[in-house]
Amino acid sequence: LGACASSVLSVGLGCRWLERGACDVVLAGGFDDVTVFVAAGFEALRATTASPPPRPFRTGRDGMSLGEGAAILALARGETRTRTFVSGFGAACDAVHLTAPDREGRGLARAVTRALDEAGRPHVDLVSPHATATPFNDPVEARVIGSLGQPGPVVHPFKAQIGHTLGAAGALELLACVDAIERGVLPAAAGGGPVDPDATVRLLDRTIAGSPQTALKLAAAFGGSNAALVVSAVRGSARPARRAFVGKGVHVAEEPAVEDLAASTGLSSERLDRADALVRLALAAVAALRKSGSLEGAGIVVGSALATLETNAVFAARIRDRGARFAEPRRFPYTSPNAVAGECSIAFGLTGPGFAVGGGMHAGLEALATAALLVEAGDAERMVVVAVDEVGLVTRALGWDGLRSGAVAVLVTADAAGAVARVGDMHIVRGSSVPRSGAPGHLALVPFVTRPAAQVLECSTPPDASARIALEPV
């Protein structure tokens, strides 16, 4: 649920699970189809081109073309038949704007730095940018690519050929990088016209023979989420793992008054009114967590059992009743679960990795496990975990008895000081018959808030998914 960075994040997180020894093979990737719901939303934001095809990094570009696609990669430990390896991963949040990139590219630059540092600072031969061909995105990426301090790598904006495939984009574009490395070519950039002097990168008119050894894949998404991967013909070296610790958590059972939430977050009442209940509950929980100390610089992972279904229903109803051209541009960003992570990052200065996960009723525990994984791997020193649910007409219609609105926030850190438990065994599994266990949604974390001691947290999403996390005494 990392929006347009989803499949890049899935590959990076899959590599972390492999490094932890939790599995031998990971299937990672993404998909999306273009529905009226999606198309109307991007049209309402004026993010799409009026004169396709899109022209990333070219003068006169005016936006993206939506595409459809799916891609799944098999990631494995040890010796395989492949000649290409994932050697670096990084993620970071802009903490600036919900839908527009940081004009200075600071979040993307942090993600790139982390990925290249892990890979051992190799020479980058090929860059696969996010390249949405929007007026703001391309100059930001060009600035980050130019800051690599290397002779201009070839830039391959694949969206110029296949459109923006949203959740599938990162995986499809990563596969193009792997193909270039394994075939020994430097790919051409589709599109015509001169390169924008404010977005200068090296674009090839024709594919040429070469010997690229290392490629850098960039991704950006709603909520200010950024991710980067380094793939190389040379195997990287694994970083030593460390322990992850959990501090006391907080539980918010209902939304506070907007005026009170504005005072505790620094966001305007008007902005909070525009947001949905999922965002307001999460902000209230993180504001309560911040009372124990500053969270600035931490990352955030949000888990929501039913994601943004209530907001989606309202957005879709307007399209159904009045037509696609009446889609609400202010509501569309909140149909992305990443909006929760984005608003929290802006309000509290959370510039580490920031995104959402959502596997069903066990999403809150999935968020806790993901945050612990990032801390153990050295991707972040501190991660805020938010499990949040909004219950309304849609949720009730689906029959999830026991799920209630509310949010839980906890801080996962590499520092044992002030911690009440350390993270032990973590299992997120799928099977043919998973028994119902634990309270649903964010309620699965409430026992830890009320009794912050060593215990096992469990939650399932019948019929086929379950999460179990052991918290051990410090």
Protein backbone atom coordinates (compact mmCIF):
# COMPACT_ATOMS: atom_id res chain seq x y z
CA LEU A 1 0.00 0.00 0.00
CA GLY A 2 2.91 2.34 -0.60
CA ALA A 3 0.94 3.89 -3.49
CA CYS A 4 3.17 4.44 -6.54
CA ALA A 5 6.27 3.31 -4.62
CA SER A 6 4.61 0.03 -3.60
CA SER A 7 6.55 -2.43 -5.72
CA VAL A 8 9.95 -0.85 -5.03
CA LEU A 9 9.18 -0.97 -1.32
CA SER A 10 8.02 -4.58 -1.64
CA VAL A 11 11.33 -5.60 -3.22
CA GLY A 12 13.33 -3.79 -0.54
CA LEU A 13 11.28 -5.28 2.30
CA GLY A 14 11.44 -8.70 0.67
CA CYS A 15 15.22 -8.50 0.71
CA ARG A 16 15.10 -7.62 4.40
CA TRP A 17 12.97 -10.70 5.17
CA LEU A 18 15.48 -12.84 3.27
CA GLU A 19 18.37 -11.33 5.23
CA ARG A 20 16.54 -12.07 8.48
CA GLY A 21 16.27 -15.71 7.46
CA ALA A 22 12.48 -15.62 7.65
CA CYS A 23 12.09 -17.33 4.27
CA ASP A 24 14.05 -18.70 1.32
CA VAL A 25 12.11 -17.07 -1.53
CA VAL A 26 10.05 -13.87 -1.68
CA LEU A 27 7.58 -12.97 -4.42
CA ALA A 28 7.52 -9.17 -4.64
CA GLY A 29 5.95 -6.74 -7.06
CA GLY A 30 2.78 -4.84 -7.75
CA PHE A 31 -0.20 -4.29 -10.02
CA ASP A 32 -2.91 -1.77 -10.83
CA ASP A 33 -5.70 -1.33 -13.32
CA VAL A 34 -7.10 1.95 -14.60
CA THR A 35 -10.67 2.35 -13.42
CA VAL A 36 -12.94 5.38 -13.65
CA PHE A 37 -12.24 5.86 -9.92
CA VAL A 38 -8.48 6.14 -10.52
CA ALA A 39 -8.62 8.05 -13.80
CA ALA A 40 -11.11 10.59 -12.43
CA GLY A 41 -8.90 11.20 -9.40
CA PHE A 42 -5.74 11.93 -11.37
CA GLU A 43 -7.68 14.06 -13.85
CA ALA A 44 -9.11 16.06 -10.94
CA LEU A 45 -5.56 16.72 -9.71
CA ARG A 46 -4.59 17.83 -13.24
CA ALA A 47 -1.69 15.38 -13.20
CA THR A 48 -2.36 13.82 -16.60
CA THR A 49 -1.14 14.99 -19.98
CA ALA A 50 -3.44 16.74 -22.41
CA SER A 51 -1.23 15.72 -25.34
CA PRO A 52 0.01 12.12 -25.01
CA PRO A 53 2.42 10.46 -25.09
CA PRO A 54 4.11 11.81 -21.96
CA ARG A 55 7.51 13.46 -22.34
CA PRO A 56 9.60 12.99 -19.18
CA PHE A 57 12.40 15.56 -18.80
CA ARG A 58 11.46 17.26 -22.08
CA THR A 59 10.33 20.82 -22.57
CA GLY A 60 6.59 21.20 -22.86
CA ARG A 61 5.81 18.15 -20.75
CA ASP A 62 2.45 18.49 -19.00
CA GLY A 63 1.84 15.30 -17.06
CA MET A 64 1.54 11.55 -17.08
CA SER A 65 -0.44 9.00 -19.04
CA LEU A 66 -2.00 6.27 -16.93
CA GLY A 67 -1.09 2.70 -17.78
CA GLU A 68 -1.97 -0.77 -16.58
CA GLY A 69 0.36 -3.59 -15.65
CA ALA A 70 1.55 -6.20 -13.21
CA ALA A 71 4.96 -7.58 -12.37
CA ILE A 72 6.20 -10.09 -9.81
CA LEU A 73 9.86 -10.77 -9.08
CA ALA A 74 11.23 -13.85 -7.33
CA LEU A 75 13.88 -12.90 -4.78
CA ALA A 76 16.08 -15.62 -3.35
CA ARG A 77 19.01 -16.07 -1.01
CA GLY A 78 22.17 -17.91 -1.95
CA GLU A 79 23.23 -19.03 -5.39
CA THR A 80 20.70 -18.65 -8.19
CA ARG A 81 20.79 -18.64 -11.97
CA THR A 82 20.44 -14.87 -12.13
CA ARG A 83 23.35 -12.57 -12.83
CA THR A 84 21.76 -9.56 -11.17
CA PHE A 85 21.53 -8.80 -7.45
CA VAL A 86 19.73 -6.29 -5.28
CA SER A 87 22.66 -4.70 -3.49
CA GLY A 88 21.08 -1.65 -1.85
CA PHE A 89 17.74 -0.34 -0.58
CA GLY A 90 16.70 2.96 0.95
CA ALA A 91 13.46 4.72 1.87
CA ALA A 92 12.61 8.15 3.26
CA CYS A 93 9.69 10.55 3.55
CA ASP A 94 9.59 14.15 2.34
CA ALA A 95 7.42 15.37 5.24
CA VAL A 96 6.51 18.39 3.09
CA HIS A 97 3.33 17.88 1.04
CA LEU A 98 0.71 15.21 0.57
CA THR A 99 0.85 14.98 -3.22
CA ALA A 100 3.68 17.21 -4.50
CA PRO A 101 7.39 16.37 -4.16
CA ASP A 102 9.78 18.33 -2.01
CA ARG A 103 11.16 20.86 -4.50
CA GLU A 104 14.66 20.32 -3.10
CA GLY A 105 14.41 16.52 -3.39
CA ARG A 106 15.65 15.97 0.16
CA GLY A 107 13.54 12.89 0.89
CA LEU A 108 14.46 11.21 -2.39
CA ALA A 109 18.12 12.11 -1.85
CA ARG A 110 18.05 10.44 1.59
CA ALA A 111 16.57 7.28 0.10
CA VAL A 112 19.22 7.25 -2.65
CA THR A 113 22.04 7.84 -0.18
CA ARG A 114 20.95 4.91 1.97
CA ALA A 115 20.66 2.58 -1.00
CA LEU A 116 24.06 3.56 -2.45
CA ASP A 117 25.77 3.38 0.94
CA GLU A 118 24.52 -0.17 1.44
CA ALA A 119 25.68 -1.09 -2.06
CA GLY A 120 29.19 0.20 -1.30
CA ARG A 121 28.96 3.40 -3.33
CA PRO A 122 29.33 1.82 -6.81
CA HIS A 123 29.53 3.75 -10.06
CA VAL A 124 25.97 4.06 -11.40
CA ASP A 125 25.67 3.33 -15.12
CA LEU A 126 21.90 3.50 -15.49
CA VAL A 127 19.12 5.33 -13.63
CA SER A 128 15.47 4.38 -13.85
CA PRO A 129 13.68 7.47 -12.51
CA HIS A 130 10.08 7.79 -11.37
CA ALA A 131 9.70 10.27 -14.28
CA THR A 132 6.00 11.09 -14.25
CA ALA A 133 6.57 13.96 -16.74
CA THR A 134 4.88 16.41 -14.39
CA PRO A 135 6.33 19.92 -14.15
CA PHE A 136 7.59 19.48 -10.57
CA ASN A 137 8.66 15.83 -10.37
CA ASP A 138 11.20 15.74 -13.19
CA PRO A 139 13.37 18.69 -12.05
CA VAL A 140 13.51 17.20 -8.54
CA GLU A 141 14.75 13.87 -9.86
CA ALA A 142 17.21 15.56 -12.21
CA ARG A 143 18.66 17.43 -9.24
CA VAL A 144 19.06 14.21 -7.23
CA ILE A 145 20.61 12.36 -10.19
CA GLY A 146 22.99 15.25 -10.75
CA SER A 147 24.06 15.11 -7.10
CA LEU A 148 25.46 11.59 -7.51
CA GLY A 149 28.81 13.20 -8.25
CA GLN A 150 29.47 10.87 -11.20
CA PRO A 151 29.69 11.35 -14.97
CA GLY A 152 26.12 11.46 -16.24
CA PRO A 153 24.54 8.00 -16.09
CA VAL A 154 22.08 7.06 -18.82
CA VAL A 155 18.52 7.81 -17.70
CA HIS A 156 15.71 5.53 -18.83
CA PRO A 157 12.22 7.03 -18.20
CA PHE A 158 10.17 3.91 -18.95
CA LYS A 159 6.82 5.63 -18.30
CA ALA A 160 7.31 7.43 -21.61
CA GLN A 161 6.69 4.03 -23.26
CA ILE A 162 4.16 2.25 -21.06
CA GLY A 163 2.55 5.05 -19.05
CA HIS A 164 2.36 5.27 -15.29
CA THR A 165 1.32 1.83 -14.09
CA LEU A 166 1.03 3.02 -10.45
CA GLY A 167 1.63 0.09 -8.08
CA ALA A 168 3.28 -1.95 -10.84
CA ALA A 169 5.58 0.85 -12.02
CA GLY A 170 8.59 0.18 -9.82
CA ALA A 171 8.70 -3.55 -10.55
CA LEU A 172 8.26 -3.15 -14.32
CA GLU A 173 10.91 -0.46 -14.47
CA LEU A 174 13.26 -2.51 -12.28
CA LEU A 175 12.89 -5.44 -14.66
CA ALA A 176 13.90 -3.12 -17.53
CA CYS A 177 17.08 -2.31 -15.57
CA VAL A 178 17.81 -6.00 -15.00
CA ASP A 179 17.27 -6.69 -18.69
CA ALA A 180 19.69 -3.90 -19.66
CA ILE A 181 22.39 -5.25 -17.34
CA GLU A 182 21.98 -8.85 -18.45
CA ARG A 183 21.85 -8.01 -22.21
CA GLY A 184 24.62 -5.42 -22.04
CA VAL A 185 22.74 -2.45 -23.45
CA LEU A 186 22.03 1.17 -22.53
CA PRO A 187 18.35 1.79 -23.35
CA ALA A 188 16.93 4.71 -25.27
CA ALA A 189 14.43 7.19 -23.86
CA ALA A 190 11.14 7.40 -25.76
CA GLY A 191 9.66 10.77 -26.56
CA GLY A 192 10.77 13.72 -28.58
CA GLY A 193 11.83 17.29 -28.12
CA PRO A 194 14.72 19.00 -26.36
CA VAL A 195 15.62 18.23 -22.77
CA ASP A 196 14.31 20.78 -20.29
CA PRO A 197 17.26 22.93 -19.10
CA ASP A 198 15.78 22.74 -15.58
CA ALA A 199 15.67 18.93 -15.74
CA THR A 200 18.89 18.08 -17.54
CA VAL A 201 19.70 14.36 -17.64
CA ARG A 202 21.40 12.10 -20.17
CA LEU A 203 18.76 10.65 -22.50
CA LEU A 204 19.68 8.40 -25.43
CA ASP A 205 17.88 8.64 -28.78
CA ARG A 206 18.74 5.02 -29.57
CA THR A 207 19.59 1.95 -27.55
CA ILE A 208 23.30 1.25 -27.77
CA ALA A 209 25.60 -1.60 -26.76
CA GLY A 210 27.30 -1.15 -23.43
CA SER A 211 28.32 -2.92 -20.27
CA PRO A 212 26.20 -1.48 -17.47
CA GLN A 213 27.06 -3.06 -14.14
CA THR A 214 24.88 -1.05 -11.75
CA ALA A 215 21.44 0.52 -12.02
CA LEU A 216 19.59 2.80 -9.61
CA LYS A 217 15.77 2.63 -9.45
CA LEU A 218 13.86 5.59 -7.99
CA ALA A 219 10.24 5.75 -6.85
CA ALA A 220 8.02 8.39 -5.28
CA ALA A 221 4.43 8.34 -4.08
CA PHE A 222 1.53 10.18 -2.48
CA GLY A 223 2.29 10.96 1.13
CA GLY A 224 5.84 12.03 0.23
CA SER A 225 7.10 8.44 0.27
CA ASN A 226 10.38 7.81 -1.56
CA ALA A 227 12.26 4.56 -2.21
CA ALA A 228 15.41 3.55 -4.06
CA LEU A 229 16.98 0.26 -5.10
CA VAL A 230 20.42 -0.54 -6.42
CA VAL A 231 20.68 -3.59 -8.68
CA SER A 232 24.07 -4.79 -9.80
CA ALA A 233 25.94 -7.53 -11.57
CA VAL A 234 28.01 -7.76 -8.38
CA ARG A 235 26.62 -9.27 -5.18
CA GLY A 236 26.42 -6.87 -2.24
CA SER A 237 27.45 -7.62 1.33
CA ALA A 238 24.81 -8.09 4.02
CA ARG A 239 24.82 -5.71 6.99
CA PRO A 240 24.86 -7.13 10.51
CA ALA A 241 21.44 -7.31 12.13
CA ARG A 242 20.60 -5.71 15.47
CA ARG A 243 17.74 -5.86 17.95
CA ALA A 244 14.60 -3.76 17.83
CA PHE A 245 12.91 -2.46 20.99
CA VAL A 246 9.43 -1.13 21.70
CA GLY A 247 8.49 1.69 24.06
CA LYS A 248 5.15 2.30 25.76
CA GLY A 249 2.25 2.75 23.40
CA VAL A 250 -0.86 4.92 23.37
CA HIS A 251 -4.45 4.11 22.45
CA VAL A 252 -6.95 6.63 21.09
CA ALA A 253 -10.49 5.25 21.10
CA GLU A 254 -12.26 8.19 19.43
CA GLU A 255 -11.53 11.32 17.45
CA PRO A 256 -10.74 14.43 19.49
CA ALA A 257 -12.39 17.74 18.63
CA VAL A 258 -10.81 19.33 15.56
CA GLU A 259 -9.76 22.38 17.59
CA ASP A 260 -7.94 20.18 20.11
CA LEU A 261 -6.26 18.19 17.33
CA ALA A 262 -5.14 21.40 15.63
CA ALA A 263 -3.54 22.55 18.87
CA SER A 264 -1.68 19.26 19.39
CA THR A 265 -0.46 18.85 15.80
CA GLY A 266 0.06 22.41 14.53
CA LEU A 267 -2.14 21.70 11.50
CA SER A 268 -4.96 24.10 10.68
CA SER A 269 -8.56 23.24 11.48
CA GLU A 270 -9.41 23.69 7.80
CA ARG A 271 -6.84 21.09 6.80
CA LEU A 272 -8.02 18.65 9.44
CA ASP A 273 -11.61 19.10 8.29
CA ARG A 274 -10.55 18.13 4.75
CA ALA A 275 -8.87 14.96 5.98
CA ASP A 276 -10.77 11.78 6.77
CA ALA A 277 -11.35 10.12 10.13
CA LEU A 278 -8.51 7.66 9.50
CA VAL A 279 -6.02 10.54 9.28
CA ARG A 280 -7.45 12.39 12.29
CA LEU A 281 -7.35 9.28 14.50
CA ALA A 282 -3.75 8.57 13.49
CA LEU A 283 -2.69 12.17 14.12
CA ALA A 284 -4.28 12.06 17.57
CA ALA A 285 -2.41 8.85 18.45
CA VAL A 286 0.98 10.14 17.25
CA ALA A 287 0.40 13.46 19.06
CA ALA A 288 -0.19 11.50 22.28
CA LEU A 289 2.95 9.42 21.63
CA ARG A 290 5.00 12.59 21.11
CA LYS A 291 4.30 13.66 24.68
CA SER A 292 7.04 11.23 25.72
CA GLY A 293 9.61 13.02 23.51
CA SER A 294 10.29 14.40 20.06
CA LEU A 295 9.70 12.05 17.14
CA GLU A 296 11.43 14.23 14.56
CA GLY A 297 13.52 12.25 12.10
CA ALA A 298 11.81 8.94 12.81
CA GLY A 299 10.06 6.91 10.13
CA ILE A 300 6.45 5.73 10.11
CA VAL A 301 4.58 2.60 9.09
CA VAL A 302 0.78 2.63 9.13
CA GLY A 303 -1.38 -0.47 9.23
CA SER A 304 -5.13 -0.33 8.70
CA ALA A 305 -7.40 -3.38 8.59
CA LEU A 306 -9.76 -2.07 5.93
CA ALA A 307 -7.60 0.80 4.70
CA THR A 308 -9.56 3.74 3.25
CA LEU A 309 -12.78 1.95 2.30
CA GLU A 310 -15.02 4.54 3.97
CA THR A 311 -13.32 7.44 2.15
CA ASN A 312 -13.29 5.49 -1.11
CA ALA A 313 -17.03 4.93 -0.85
CA VAL A 314 -17.71 8.67 -0.51
CA PHE A 315 -15.38 9.54 -3.41
CA ALA A 316 -16.90 6.84 -5.62
CA ALA A 317 -20.47 7.87 -4.75
CA ARG A 318 -19.92 11.38 -6.08
CA ILE A 319 -18.52 10.01 -9.35
CA ARG A 320 -21.45 7.63 -9.65
CA ASP A 321 -24.04 10.29 -8.88
CA ARG A 322 -22.63 13.29 -10.75
CA GLY A 323 -20.11 11.93 -13.25
CA ALA A 324 -16.32 11.56 -13.38
CA ARG A 325 -15.66 15.22 -14.14
CA PHE A 326 -17.09 16.11 -10.73
CA ALA A 327 -14.52 14.01 -8.83
CA GLU A 328 -13.29 15.86 -5.73
CA PRO A 329 -9.60 16.79 -6.00
CA ARG A 330 -9.32 17.42 -2.25
CA ARG A 331 -10.73 14.02 -1.33
CA PHE A 332 -8.85 11.88 -3.88
CA PRO A 333 -5.46 11.95 -2.06
CA TYR A 334 -7.15 10.54 1.03
CA THR A 335 -8.26 7.47 -0.90
CA SER A 336 -4.61 6.37 -0.63
CA PRO A 337 -3.68 4.71 2.69
CA ASN A 338 -0.33 6.47 2.30
CA ALA A 339 -2.13 9.72 3.14
CA VAL A 340 -2.11 8.75 6.83
CA ALA A 341 1.66 8.30 6.83
CA GLY A 342 2.08 11.49 4.80
CA GLU A 343 0.00 13.72 7.08
CA CYS A 344 1.69 12.33 10.19
CA SER A 345 5.14 12.86 8.65
CA ILE A 346 4.32 16.50 7.84
CA ALA A 347 2.87 17.22 11.28
CA PHE A 348 5.66 15.62 13.31
CA GLY A 349 8.74 15.83 11.08
CA LEU A 350 8.95 12.10 10.34
CA THR A 351 11.59 11.99 7.60
CA GLY A 352 12.59 8.33 7.82
CA PRO A 353 10.93 5.57 5.78
CA GLY A 354 7.21 6.32 5.50
CA PHE A 355 4.44 4.21 3.98
CA ALA A 356 1.41 2.05 4.72
CA VAL A 357 0.84 -1.70 4.82
CA GLY A 358 -2.44 -3.55 4.88
CA GLY A 359 -2.94 -7.28 4.77
CA GLY A 360 -6.35 -7.33 6.41
CA MET A 361 -7.33 -7.61 10.06
CA HIS A 362 -3.70 -8.30 11.03
CA ALA A 363 -2.46 -5.07 9.38
CA GLY A 364 -1.58 -3.45 12.72
CA LEU A 365 0.77 -6.30 13.60
CA GLU A 366 2.11 -6.27 10.05
CA ALA A 367 3.03 -2.61 10.56
CA LEU A 368 4.80 -3.43 13.83
CA ALA A 369 6.72 -6.29 12.21
CA THR A 370 7.71 -4.09 9.23
CA ALA A 371 8.96 -1.30 11.49
CA ALA A 372 10.99 -3.77 13.56
CA LEU A 373 12.46 -5.23 10.36
CA LEU A 374 13.62 -1.79 9.18
CA VAL A 375 15.19 -1.01 12.56
CA GLU A 376 16.93 -4.40 12.74
CA ALA A 377 18.37 -3.90 9.24
CA GLY A 378 19.66 -0.40 9.97
CA ASP A 379 17.23 1.35 7.61
CA ALA A 380 16.02 3.55 10.49
CA GLU A 381 16.97 4.28 14.08
CA ARG A 382 13.36 4.90 15.13
CA MET A 383 10.03 4.00 13.55
CA VAL A 384 6.58 5.16 14.60
CA VAL A 385 4.00 2.41 14.22
CA VAL A 386 0.36 3.43 13.78
CA ALA A 387 -2.45 0.89 13.68
CA VAL A 388 -5.66 2.73 12.82
CA ASP A 389 -9.19 1.82 11.77
CA GLU A 390 -12.28 3.76 10.74
CA VAL A 391 -15.57 1.91 11.12
CA GLY A 392 -18.56 3.12 9.12
CA LEU A 393 -21.30 1.93 6.81
CA VAL A 394 -19.00 -0.03 4.49
CA THR A 395 -17.14 -1.76 7.32
CA ARG A 396 -20.38 -2.77 9.00
CA ALA A 397 -21.80 -4.04 5.73
CA LEU A 398 -18.77 -6.33 5.37
CA GLY A 399 -19.68 -7.89 8.70
CA TRP A 400 -16.42 -7.48 10.61
CA ASP A 401 -17.85 -7.84 14.11
CA GLY A 402 -15.63 -6.53 16.86
CA LEU A 403 -13.71 -4.00 14.77
CA ARG A 404 -14.01 -0.48 16.15
CA SER A 405 -12.70 2.94 15.19
CA GLY A 406 -9.52 3.96 16.95
CA ALA A 407 -5.74 4.04 16.74
CA VAL A 408 -2.69 2.73 18.55
CA ALA A 409 0.78 4.25 18.24
CA VAL A 410 4.06 2.80 19.50
CA LEU A 411 7.72 3.66 18.92
CA VAL A 412 10.16 1.00 17.70
CA THR A 413 13.80 1.90 18.20
CA ALA A 414 17.33 0.50 18.09
CA ASP A 415 17.99 1.96 21.56
CA ALA A 416 17.00 -0.14 24.56
CA ALA A 417 16.89 2.91 26.84
CA GLY A 418 13.31 3.48 27.95
CA ALA A 419 12.03 0.39 26.12
CA VAL A 420 9.51 -1.92 27.73
CA ALA A 421 10.10 -4.91 25.44
CA ARG A 422 12.26 -6.14 22.60
CA VAL A 423 10.94 -7.72 19.43
CA GLY A 424 11.49 -11.46 19.22
CA ASP A 425 10.08 -13.96 16.75
CA MET A 426 7.85 -12.50 14.03
CA HIS A 427 5.64 -14.59 11.78
CA ILE A 428 3.36 -13.29 9.03
CA VAL A 429 2.05 -16.36 7.26
CA ARG A 430 -0.56 -17.46 4.76
CA GLY A 431 -2.07 -20.91 4.70
CA SER A 432 -5.10 -22.87 3.62
CA SER A 433 -6.82 -22.68 7.01
CA VAL A 434 -5.88 -19.98 9.52
CA PRO A 435 -8.03 -20.00 12.66
CA ARG A 436 -9.43 -16.70 13.88
CA SER A 437 -7.21 -15.39 16.68
CA GLY A 438 -6.77 -12.11 18.53
CA ALA A 439 -8.77 -8.91 18.35
CA PRO A 440 -9.13 -7.40 14.85
CA GLY A 441 -7.29 -4.39 13.46
CA HIS A 442 -5.65 -1.90 15.80
CA LEU A 443 -7.26 -3.65 18.76
CA ALA A 444 -4.63 -6.41 18.44
CA LEU A 445 -2.06 -3.93 19.82
CA VAL A 446 -4.21 -2.69 22.72
CA PRO A 447 -3.07 -5.51 25.09
CA PHE A 448 0.49 -4.21 24.76
CA VAL A 449 -0.66 -0.66 25.58
CA THR A 450 -2.58 -1.75 28.67
CA ARG A 451 0.01 -4.31 29.83
CA PRO A 452 3.40 -3.25 28.43
CA ALA A 453 5.28 -6.40 29.28
CA ALA A 454 6.55 -9.54 27.62
CA GLN A 455 3.73 -11.22 25.70
CA VAL A 456 2.68 -12.61 22.35
CA LEU A 457 0.49 -10.48 20.06
CA GLU A 458 -1.63 -12.36 17.56
CA CYS A 459 -4.20 -11.49 14.92
CA SER A 460 -5.60 -13.26 11.88
CA THR A 461 -7.48 -12.52 8.70
CA PRO A 462 -9.41 -15.71 7.94
CA PRO A 463 -9.29 -17.75 5.90
CA ASP A 464 -5.64 -17.50 4.95
CA ALA A 465 -3.47 -14.98 6.83
CA SER A 466 -2.10 -14.55 10.32
CA ALA A 467 0.48 -12.49 12.21
CA ARG A 468 2.25 -13.36 15.45
CA ILE A 469 4.87 -11.24 17.22
CA ALA A 470 6.65 -12.21 20.41
CA LEU A 471 7.67 -9.34 22.70
CA GLU A 472 10.41 -10.31 25.12
CA PRO A 473 11.56 -8.72 28.40
CA VAL A 474 14.33 -6.16 28.02
